[in-house]
Protein backbone atom coordinates (compact mmCIF):
# COMPACT_ATOMS: atom_id res chain seq x y z
CA MET A 1 -5.03 -1.32 -26.99
CA ALA A 2 -6.55 -3.68 -24.40
CA GLU A 3 -8.54 -6.65 -25.68
CA ASP A 4 -11.19 -6.79 -22.99
CA HIS A 5 -11.78 -6.21 -19.32
CA ALA A 6 -10.67 -9.70 -18.32
CA HIS A 7 -7.27 -9.05 -20.02
CA VAL A 8 -6.91 -5.71 -18.28
CA GLN A 9 -7.70 -7.21 -14.89
CA GLU A 10 -5.30 -10.07 -15.47
CA PHE A 11 -2.54 -7.82 -16.58
CA PHE A 12 -2.74 -5.50 -13.53
CA ALA A 13 -3.61 -8.09 -10.87
CA ALA A 14 -0.33 -9.87 -11.67
CA ARG A 15 1.65 -6.63 -11.26
CA ALA A 16 -0.20 -4.81 -8.47
CA ALA A 17 2.03 -5.88 -5.58
CA GLY A 18 5.22 -4.57 -7.19
CA TRP A 19 3.76 -1.63 -9.12
CA ASP A 20 4.97 1.23 -6.86
CA ARG A 21 8.40 -0.35 -6.49
CA LYS A 22 8.73 -0.56 -10.26
CA PHE A 23 7.99 3.10 -10.75
CA PRO A 24 9.22 4.80 -7.51
CA ASP A 25 10.11 8.16 -9.00
CA ASP A 26 6.82 9.05 -10.79
CA GLY A 27 5.34 11.01 -7.87
CA PRO A 28 6.64 14.47 -8.89
CA ALA A 29 5.39 13.92 -12.49
CA TYR A 30 1.93 13.16 -11.21
CA ALA A 31 1.98 16.22 -8.96
CA ALA A 32 3.13 18.41 -11.85
CA ALA A 33 0.40 17.12 -14.13
CA VAL A 34 -2.32 17.74 -11.50
CA ALA A 35 -0.87 21.23 -10.86
CA GLU A 36 -1.01 22.03 -14.54
CA LEU A 37 -4.56 20.76 -14.79
CA GLY A 38 -5.39 22.87 -11.83
CA PRO A 39 -8.62 21.42 -10.35
CA ALA A 40 -10.38 24.19 -8.46
CA HIS A 41 -10.49 24.12 -4.68
CA GLY A 42 -13.73 22.47 -3.68
CA SER A 43 -14.25 20.65 -6.96
CA THR A 44 -15.21 17.04 -7.58
CA VAL A 45 -12.53 14.92 -9.36
CA LEU A 46 -12.29 11.35 -10.57
CA ASP A 47 -9.06 9.40 -10.99
CA ALA A 48 -10.22 6.95 -13.64
CA GLY A 49 -8.20 3.75 -13.54
CA CYS A 50 -6.47 4.99 -10.36
CA GLY A 51 -4.35 1.83 -9.90
CA THR A 52 -2.32 2.12 -6.74
CA GLY A 53 -3.57 5.72 -6.33
CA ARG A 54 -0.35 7.66 -7.16
CA ALA A 55 -2.34 10.75 -8.29
CA LEU A 56 -4.67 10.80 -5.28
CA PRO A 57 -2.51 12.84 -2.85
CA ALA A 58 -1.97 15.58 -5.51
CA LEU A 59 -5.68 15.55 -6.40
CA ARG A 60 -6.60 15.94 -2.79
CA ASP A 61 -4.19 18.75 -2.29
CA ALA A 62 -5.67 20.56 -5.27
CA VAL A 63 -9.22 20.29 -4.29
CA GLY A 64 -8.78 20.72 -0.57
CA SER A 65 -10.93 19.43 2.30
CA ARG A 66 -14.09 20.71 0.80
CA GLY A 67 -13.54 18.93 -2.50
CA THR A 68 -14.27 15.39 -3.46
CA VAL A 69 -11.81 12.90 -4.90
CA ILE A 70 -12.94 9.50 -6.18
CA GLY A 71 -10.55 6.82 -7.26
CA VAL A 72 -11.99 4.10 -9.52
CA ASP A 73 -10.30 0.93 -10.80
CA LEU A 74 -11.32 -2.30 -12.31
CA THR A 75 -8.71 -4.42 -10.49
CA PRO A 76 -9.26 -5.25 -6.86
CA GLU A 77 -5.53 -5.96 -6.29
CA MET A 78 -4.63 -2.42 -7.42
CA LEU A 79 -7.19 -0.94 -5.08
CA ALA A 80 -5.78 -3.10 -2.21
CA GLU A 81 -2.32 -1.77 -2.92
CA ALA A 82 -3.69 1.85 -2.90
CA THR A 83 -5.14 1.09 0.53
CA ARG A 84 -2.01 -0.58 1.75
CA ALA A 85 -0.06 2.56 0.78
CA GLY A 86 -2.55 4.73 2.77
CA ARG A 87 -3.84 6.45 -0.28
CA ASP A 88 -7.46 5.70 0.67
CA ARG A 89 -7.25 8.65 3.10
CA TYR A 90 -7.18 11.01 0.08
CA ALA A 91 -10.11 9.58 -1.86
CA ALA A 92 -13.11 7.32 -1.89
CA LEU A 93 -11.97 4.22 -3.70
CA LEU A 94 -14.39 2.24 -5.75
CA ARG A 95 -14.07 -0.87 -7.79
CA ALA A 96 -15.83 -0.02 -10.99
CA ASP A 97 -15.69 -0.21 -14.78
CA VAL A 98 -14.98 3.05 -16.54
CA SER A 99 -17.52 2.04 -19.19
CA ARG A 100 -20.32 1.91 -16.54
CA LEU A 101 -19.54 4.30 -13.78
CA PRO A 102 -21.84 4.30 -10.70
CA LEU A 103 -22.09 8.05 -10.87
CA ARG A 104 -24.90 10.42 -11.83
CA PRO A 105 -24.66 12.55 -15.04
CA ALA A 106 -22.60 15.75 -14.94
CA CYS A 107 -21.37 15.25 -11.37
CA LEU A 108 -17.64 15.74 -12.00
CA ASP A 109 -15.54 18.77 -12.65
CA VAL A 110 -12.40 16.95 -13.64
CA VAL A 111 -11.36 13.45 -14.71
CA PHE A 112 -7.75 12.43 -14.49
CA GLY A 113 -6.61 9.30 -16.36
CA ALA A 114 -2.99 8.14 -16.07
CA GLY A 115 -2.12 5.49 -18.57
CA LEU A 116 -5.82 5.05 -19.13
CA ILE A 117 -6.59 5.23 -22.82
CA SER A 118 -4.34 2.34 -23.94
CA HIS A 119 -6.13 0.03 -21.49
CA LEU A 120 -9.69 0.91 -22.62
CA PRO A 121 -11.21 -2.07 -24.63
CA GLN A 122 -13.66 0.37 -26.41
CA PRO A 123 -12.06 3.82 -26.17
CA ALA A 124 -14.88 5.82 -27.88
CA ARG A 125 -17.53 4.20 -25.76
CA ASP A 126 -15.55 4.60 -22.58
CA LEU A 127 -14.65 8.26 -23.28
CA ARG A 128 -18.42 8.87 -23.82
CA GLU A 129 -19.07 7.43 -20.38
CA LEU A 130 -16.50 9.85 -18.90
CA ALA A 131 -18.22 12.62 -20.74
CA ARG A 132 -21.61 11.53 -19.37
CA VAL A 133 -20.38 11.98 -15.74
CA THR A 134 -18.60 15.24 -16.42
CA ARG A 135 -20.33 18.57 -16.49
CA PRO A 136 -20.18 20.75 -19.63
CA GLY A 137 -16.90 22.71 -19.47
CA GLY A 138 -15.36 20.13 -17.25
CA ARG A 139 -11.89 18.70 -18.12
CA LEU A 140 -10.32 15.41 -18.80
CA ALA A 141 -6.53 14.86 -18.52
CA LEU A 142 -4.95 11.94 -20.19
CA PHE A 143 -1.44 11.59 -18.61
CA HIS A 144 1.64 9.35 -18.58
CA PRO A 145 4.81 10.17 -16.66
CA ILE A 146 6.90 9.64 -19.82
CA GLY A 147 6.16 10.48 -23.45
CA ARG A 148 5.02 8.18 -26.27
CA ALA A 149 8.52 7.69 -27.76
CA ALA A 150 10.11 6.89 -24.41
CA LEU A 151 7.31 4.53 -23.49
CA ALA A 152 7.63 2.71 -26.88
CA ALA A 153 11.39 2.45 -26.36
CA ARG A 154 10.84 1.02 -22.85
CA HIS A 155 8.62 -1.72 -24.38
CA GLY A 156 10.91 -2.31 -27.31
CA ARG A 157 8.38 -1.11 -29.82
CA ARG A 158 8.46 1.47 -32.64
CA LEU A 159 6.45 4.64 -32.25
CA THR A 160 3.65 4.61 -34.85
CA ASP A 161 0.96 7.15 -35.85
CA ASP A 162 -1.81 4.58 -35.22
CA ASP A 163 -1.27 4.96 -31.47
CA LEU A 164 -4.51 6.36 -29.97
CA ARG A 165 -2.47 8.77 -28.00
CA ALA A 166 -0.97 10.42 -31.13
CA GLU A 167 -2.49 13.90 -31.58
CA PRO A 168 -3.94 13.24 -35.10
CA ARG A 169 -5.79 10.17 -33.74
CA LEU A 170 -6.65 11.47 -30.28
CA GLY A 171 -8.43 14.70 -31.33
CA PRO A 172 -11.04 12.98 -33.52
CA LEU A 173 -11.53 10.17 -30.99
CA LEU A 174 -12.24 12.72 -28.23
CA ALA A 175 -14.55 14.71 -30.44
CA SER A 176 -16.61 11.63 -31.25
CA ALA A 177 -17.06 11.09 -27.52
CA GLY A 178 -18.13 14.62 -26.53
CA TRP A 179 -14.77 16.20 -25.79
CA ARG A 180 -12.65 18.92 -27.43
CA LEU A 181 -8.89 18.61 -27.32
CA HIS A 182 -7.72 21.76 -25.56
CA SER A 183 -3.90 21.17 -25.19
CA TYR A 184 -1.49 18.41 -26.03
CA ALA A 185 2.12 17.77 -24.84
CA ASP A 186 4.10 14.72 -25.79
CA GLU A 187 7.70 15.06 -24.45
CA ASP A 188 10.31 12.67 -23.20
CA GLU A 189 9.43 13.37 -19.59
CA ARG A 190 5.65 13.41 -19.82
CA TYR A 191 2.51 13.06 -21.86
CA LEU A 192 -0.44 15.26 -21.02
CA ALA A 193 -3.48 15.79 -23.22
CA VAL A 194 -6.31 17.89 -21.76
CA ALA A 195 -9.84 17.89 -23.23
CA VAL A 196 -12.89 19.97 -22.37
CA ARG A 197 -16.41 18.50 -22.10
CA GLU A 198 -18.52 19.90 -24.84
CA GLY A 199 -22.15 20.84 -24.37
């Protein structure tokens, strides 16, 4: 878990320029996750912690020209890379903190968060903020293009049950923040947990 916002910014600022080159084959996994989530045509979606914007084309395709796509990230270097890659044509890009979003309550239909939860300094608080800006019945997708075991192996760590992304930890965490875990998949080739906004 991230220590604080400064740590998150420092981590991603140093890696922004090479991020897309480091993970060149993730595009289809992002597109498949968005397709499975199925944002409705014309809906309003947020890519929370959008990074270089790899989900933005798929989100725009899903919601169409009448929908709204917003990409939010804390790190200006990541947003600059998203713009350099031309992904700003798919979404409005905002530099903002997920814990204090400049959005009105219940304005979103869907929140997509790739690799998000492990970088939230205060996950319960930050998930509550995402719930605040999502309408009742709206959905949150927590995604990673590889599963927990594969990710742990990539970083030379053991997979443990205290990982916030583990289903026994994630369900109660989401519930404490106003979400109900709807579906959960943790496979070698992807991680996708979908929650529904309660209320």
